[in-house]
């Protein structure tokens, strides 16, 4: 079994998705508290770069996923179109 390398920030413990095209943490971030939900970021047709991480929010140890986006309009698009299962 391979072990994923975690990334620690001030707010999160992150594990990058192997499907990420861009392996960066971008400025605009949306935490969704659904750790097992499949989020297909390509279907949002963002204008900028984006990445997805499995995440543990350190303030309350809540597990979920963190979507990071390069552009503020992409953050708004994700927030308005995202619907949990």
N, C-alpha and C. Protein backbone atom coordinates (compact mmCIF):
# COMPACT_ATOMS: atom_id res chain seq x y z
N UNK A 1 0.84 -1.18 0.00
CA UNK A 1 0.00 0.00 0.00
C UNK A 1 0.88 1.24 0.00
N UNK A 2 0.61 2.14 -0.93
CA UNK A 2 1.40 3.37 -1.03
C UNK A 2 0.88 4.38 -0.03
N UNK A 3 1.77 5.18 0.50
CA UNK A 3 1.34 6.22 1.43
C UNK A 3 1.34 7.57 0.72
N UNK A 4 0.29 8.35 0.96
CA UNK A 4 0.19 9.67 0.35
C UNK A 4 0.97 10.66 1.21
N UNK A 5 1.63 11.60 0.56
CA UNK A 5 2.38 12.61 1.28
C UNK A 5 1.46 13.78 1.59
N UNK A 6 1.36 14.11 2.86
CA UNK A 6 0.48 15.18 3.29
C UNK A 6 1.17 16.53 3.24
N UNK A 7 0.33 17.58 3.15
CA UNK A 7 0.79 18.96 3.14
C UNK A 7 0.08 19.64 4.30
N UNK A 8 0.82 20.33 5.13
CA UNK A 8 0.21 21.05 6.25
C UNK A 8 0.23 22.55 5.98
N UNK A 9 -0.92 23.20 6.21
CA UNK A 9 -1.01 24.65 6.15
C UNK A 9 -1.49 25.11 7.53
N UNK A 10 -1.69 26.40 7.70
CA UNK A 10 -2.19 26.90 8.98
C UNK A 10 -3.61 26.42 9.27
N UNK A 11 -4.38 26.14 8.21
CA UNK A 11 -5.79 25.79 8.37
C UNK A 11 -6.12 24.32 8.11
N UNK A 12 -5.29 23.63 7.33
CA UNK A 12 -5.64 22.29 6.88
C UNK A 12 -4.46 21.34 6.87
N UNK A 13 -4.77 20.06 6.97
CA UNK A 13 -3.85 18.97 6.63
C UNK A 13 -4.41 18.43 5.32
N UNK A 14 -3.62 18.46 4.26
CA UNK A 14 -4.10 18.16 2.91
C UNK A 14 -3.40 16.96 2.31
N UNK A 15 -4.16 16.23 1.48
CA UNK A 15 -3.62 15.12 0.71
C UNK A 15 -4.08 15.32 -0.73
N UNK A 16 -3.16 15.57 -1.67
CA UNK A 16 -3.55 15.88 -3.04
C UNK A 16 -4.21 14.72 -3.76
N UNK A 17 -5.17 15.05 -4.60
CA UNK A 17 -5.81 14.05 -5.44
C UNK A 17 -4.83 13.61 -6.52
N UNK A 18 -4.75 12.33 -6.81
CA UNK A 18 -3.86 11.89 -7.89
C UNK A 18 -4.33 12.36 -9.26
N UNK A 19 -5.57 12.84 -9.36
CA UNK A 19 -6.11 13.32 -10.64
C UNK A 19 -5.80 14.80 -10.89
N UNK A 20 -5.15 15.47 -9.96
CA UNK A 20 -4.83 16.90 -10.14
C UNK A 20 -3.90 17.11 -11.32
N UNK A 21 -4.26 18.06 -12.16
CA UNK A 21 -3.36 18.49 -13.24
C UNK A 21 -2.34 19.48 -12.70
N UNK A 22 -2.77 20.29 -11.76
CA UNK A 22 -1.93 21.32 -11.16
C UNK A 22 -1.73 20.95 -9.69
N UNK A 23 -0.52 20.75 -9.31
CA UNK A 23 -0.22 20.32 -7.94
C UNK A 23 0.19 21.53 -7.10
N UNK A 24 -0.78 22.45 -6.95
CA UNK A 24 -0.54 23.68 -6.20
C UNK A 24 -1.77 23.99 -5.36
N UNK A 25 -1.55 24.77 -4.31
CA UNK A 25 -2.64 25.27 -3.50
C UNK A 25 -2.87 26.71 -3.93
N UNK A 26 -4.03 26.98 -4.53
CA UNK A 26 -4.32 28.31 -5.06
C UNK A 26 -4.98 29.18 -4.00
N UNK A 27 -5.04 30.47 -4.28
CA UNK A 27 -5.51 31.47 -3.32
C UNK A 27 -6.97 31.29 -2.92
N UNK A 28 -7.84 30.98 -3.86
CA UNK A 28 -9.27 30.87 -3.58
C UNK A 28 -9.59 29.42 -3.22
N UNK A 29 -10.19 29.25 -2.05
CA UNK A 29 -10.38 27.90 -1.50
C UNK A 29 -11.81 27.70 -1.00
N UNK A 30 -12.35 26.52 -1.28
CA UNK A 30 -13.68 26.16 -0.80
C UNK A 30 -13.57 24.79 -0.12
N UNK A 31 -13.91 24.75 1.16
CA UNK A 31 -13.94 23.49 1.90
C UNK A 31 -15.35 22.92 1.81
N UNK A 32 -15.46 21.66 1.42
CA UNK A 32 -16.75 20.97 1.41
C UNK A 32 -16.65 19.77 2.36
N UNK A 33 -17.60 19.65 3.30
CA UNK A 33 -17.49 18.61 4.33
C UNK A 33 -18.02 17.25 3.88
N UNK A 34 -17.61 16.83 2.69
CA UNK A 34 -18.04 15.55 2.13
C UNK A 34 -16.80 14.77 1.70
N UNK A 35 -16.17 14.04 2.64
CA UNK A 35 -14.89 13.41 2.33
C UNK A 35 -14.95 12.31 1.27
N UNK A 36 -16.12 11.70 1.06
CA UNK A 36 -16.19 10.57 0.14
C UNK A 36 -16.91 10.89 -1.16
N UNK A 37 -17.31 12.12 -1.35
CA UNK A 37 -18.04 12.50 -2.56
C UNK A 37 -17.07 12.68 -3.73
N UNK A 38 -17.45 12.17 -4.88
CA UNK A 38 -16.65 12.36 -6.09
C UNK A 38 -16.94 13.75 -6.64
N UNK A 39 -15.92 14.58 -6.73
CA UNK A 39 -16.06 15.93 -7.28
C UNK A 39 -15.28 15.98 -8.59
N UNK A 40 -16.01 16.10 -9.70
CA UNK A 40 -15.40 16.16 -11.02
C UNK A 40 -15.20 17.62 -11.40
N UNK A 41 -14.03 18.15 -11.09
CA UNK A 41 -13.77 19.57 -11.33
C UNK A 41 -13.73 19.92 -12.81
N UNK A 42 -13.39 18.98 -13.66
CA UNK A 42 -13.34 19.27 -15.09
C UNK A 42 -14.72 19.64 -15.64
N UNK A 43 -15.78 19.13 -15.04
CA UNK A 43 -17.12 19.40 -15.54
C UNK A 43 -17.59 20.83 -15.23
N UNK A 44 -16.83 21.57 -14.43
CA UNK A 44 -17.18 22.96 -14.14
C UNK A 44 -16.64 23.93 -15.20
N UNK A 45 -15.74 23.48 -16.03
CA UNK A 45 -15.14 24.30 -17.10
C UNK A 45 -14.60 25.63 -16.56
N UNK A 46 -13.73 25.53 -15.58
CA UNK A 46 -13.12 26.72 -15.00
C UNK A 46 -12.22 27.41 -16.01
N UNK A 47 -12.07 28.72 -15.87
CA UNK A 47 -11.18 29.49 -16.75
C UNK A 47 -9.72 29.39 -16.30
N UNK A 48 -9.50 29.27 -15.00
CA UNK A 48 -8.15 29.20 -14.46
C UNK A 48 -7.79 27.80 -13.99
N UNK A 49 -6.67 27.73 -13.33
CA UNK A 49 -6.19 26.45 -12.79
C UNK A 49 -6.93 26.12 -11.50
N UNK A 50 -6.92 24.83 -11.15
CA UNK A 50 -7.62 24.36 -9.96
C UNK A 50 -6.98 23.08 -9.47
N UNK A 51 -7.24 22.75 -8.21
CA UNK A 51 -6.76 21.48 -7.64
C UNK A 51 -7.71 21.04 -6.54
N UNK A 52 -7.64 19.76 -6.23
CA UNK A 52 -8.53 19.15 -5.24
C UNK A 52 -7.69 18.38 -4.23
N UNK A 53 -8.06 18.49 -2.97
CA UNK A 53 -7.34 17.81 -1.90
C UNK A 53 -8.33 17.16 -0.93
N UNK A 54 -7.99 15.98 -0.44
CA UNK A 54 -8.66 15.46 0.74
C UNK A 54 -8.13 16.32 1.87
N UNK A 55 -9.03 16.72 2.79
CA UNK A 55 -8.62 17.71 3.78
C UNK A 55 -9.16 17.41 5.16
N UNK A 56 -8.35 17.78 6.15
CA UNK A 56 -8.79 17.80 7.54
C UNK A 56 -8.67 19.25 7.98
N UNK A 57 -9.82 19.87 8.31
CA UNK A 57 -9.81 21.26 8.78
C UNK A 57 -9.34 21.26 10.23
N UNK A 58 -8.24 21.92 10.50
CA UNK A 58 -7.58 21.84 11.80
C UNK A 58 -8.37 22.52 12.92
N UNK A 59 -9.19 23.52 12.60
CA UNK A 59 -9.92 24.24 13.64
C UNK A 59 -10.91 23.35 14.38
N UNK A 60 -11.48 22.34 13.68
CA UNK A 60 -12.46 21.46 14.32
C UNK A 60 -12.26 19.98 13.96
N UNK A 61 -11.15 19.66 13.29
CA UNK A 61 -10.84 18.29 12.86
C UNK A 61 -11.93 17.70 11.97
N UNK A 62 -12.63 18.53 11.22
CA UNK A 62 -13.66 18.08 10.30
C UNK A 62 -12.99 17.59 9.01
N UNK A 63 -13.38 16.40 8.57
CA UNK A 63 -12.85 15.83 7.34
C UNK A 63 -13.71 16.27 6.16
N UNK A 64 -13.08 16.45 5.02
CA UNK A 64 -13.79 16.85 3.81
C UNK A 64 -12.83 16.94 2.65
N UNK A 65 -13.14 17.84 1.73
CA UNK A 65 -12.29 18.09 0.58
C UNK A 65 -12.11 19.59 0.42
N UNK A 66 -10.95 19.97 -0.09
CA UNK A 66 -10.66 21.37 -0.32
C UNK A 66 -10.44 21.56 -1.82
N UNK A 67 -11.25 22.42 -2.40
CA UNK A 67 -11.09 22.81 -3.80
C UNK A 67 -10.33 24.13 -3.78
N UNK A 68 -9.21 24.20 -4.50
CA UNK A 68 -8.47 25.45 -4.58
C UNK A 68 -8.49 25.92 -6.02
N UNK A 69 -8.67 27.23 -6.17
CA UNK A 69 -8.89 27.81 -7.50
C UNK A 69 -8.02 29.04 -7.69
N UNK A 70 -7.60 29.24 -8.92
CA UNK A 70 -6.73 30.36 -9.26
C UNK A 70 -7.50 31.68 -9.38
N UNK A 71 -8.75 31.63 -9.85
CA UNK A 71 -9.50 32.84 -10.14
C UNK A 71 -10.74 32.99 -9.25
N UNK A 72 -11.06 34.22 -8.84
CA UNK A 72 -12.24 34.42 -7.98
C UNK A 72 -13.55 34.07 -8.67
N UNK A 73 -13.64 34.26 -9.98
CA UNK A 73 -14.87 33.90 -10.69
C UNK A 73 -15.09 32.39 -10.73
N UNK A 74 -14.00 31.63 -10.70
CA UNK A 74 -14.13 30.18 -10.63
C UNK A 74 -14.60 29.74 -9.25
N UNK A 75 -14.17 30.46 -8.21
CA UNK A 75 -14.65 30.16 -6.86
C UNK A 75 -16.16 30.38 -6.79
N UNK A 76 -16.63 31.48 -7.33
CA UNK A 76 -18.06 31.78 -7.34
C UNK A 76 -18.83 30.74 -8.14
N UNK A 77 -18.28 30.35 -9.29
CA UNK A 77 -18.93 29.32 -10.12
C UNK A 77 -19.06 28.01 -9.35
N UNK A 78 -18.00 27.60 -8.68
CA UNK A 78 -18.06 26.35 -7.91
C UNK A 78 -19.09 26.45 -6.79
N UNK A 79 -19.06 27.56 -6.04
CA UNK A 79 -20.01 27.70 -4.93
C UNK A 79 -21.46 27.70 -5.39
N UNK A 80 -21.74 28.28 -6.55
CA UNK A 80 -23.13 28.33 -7.01
C UNK A 80 -23.58 27.04 -7.67
N UNK A 81 -22.66 26.28 -8.24
CA UNK A 81 -23.05 25.06 -8.96
C UNK A 81 -22.89 23.77 -8.18
N UNK A 82 -22.11 23.80 -7.11
CA UNK A 82 -21.85 22.58 -6.35
C UNK A 82 -23.12 22.14 -5.60
N UNK A 83 -23.49 20.91 -5.81
CA UNK A 83 -24.64 20.32 -5.12
C UNK A 83 -24.18 18.98 -4.55
N UNK A 84 -24.20 18.84 -3.21
CA UNK A 84 -23.79 17.56 -2.61
C UNK A 84 -24.76 16.44 -2.97
N UNK A 85 -24.24 15.22 -3.01
CA UNK A 85 -25.09 14.05 -3.28
C UNK A 85 -26.13 13.86 -2.21
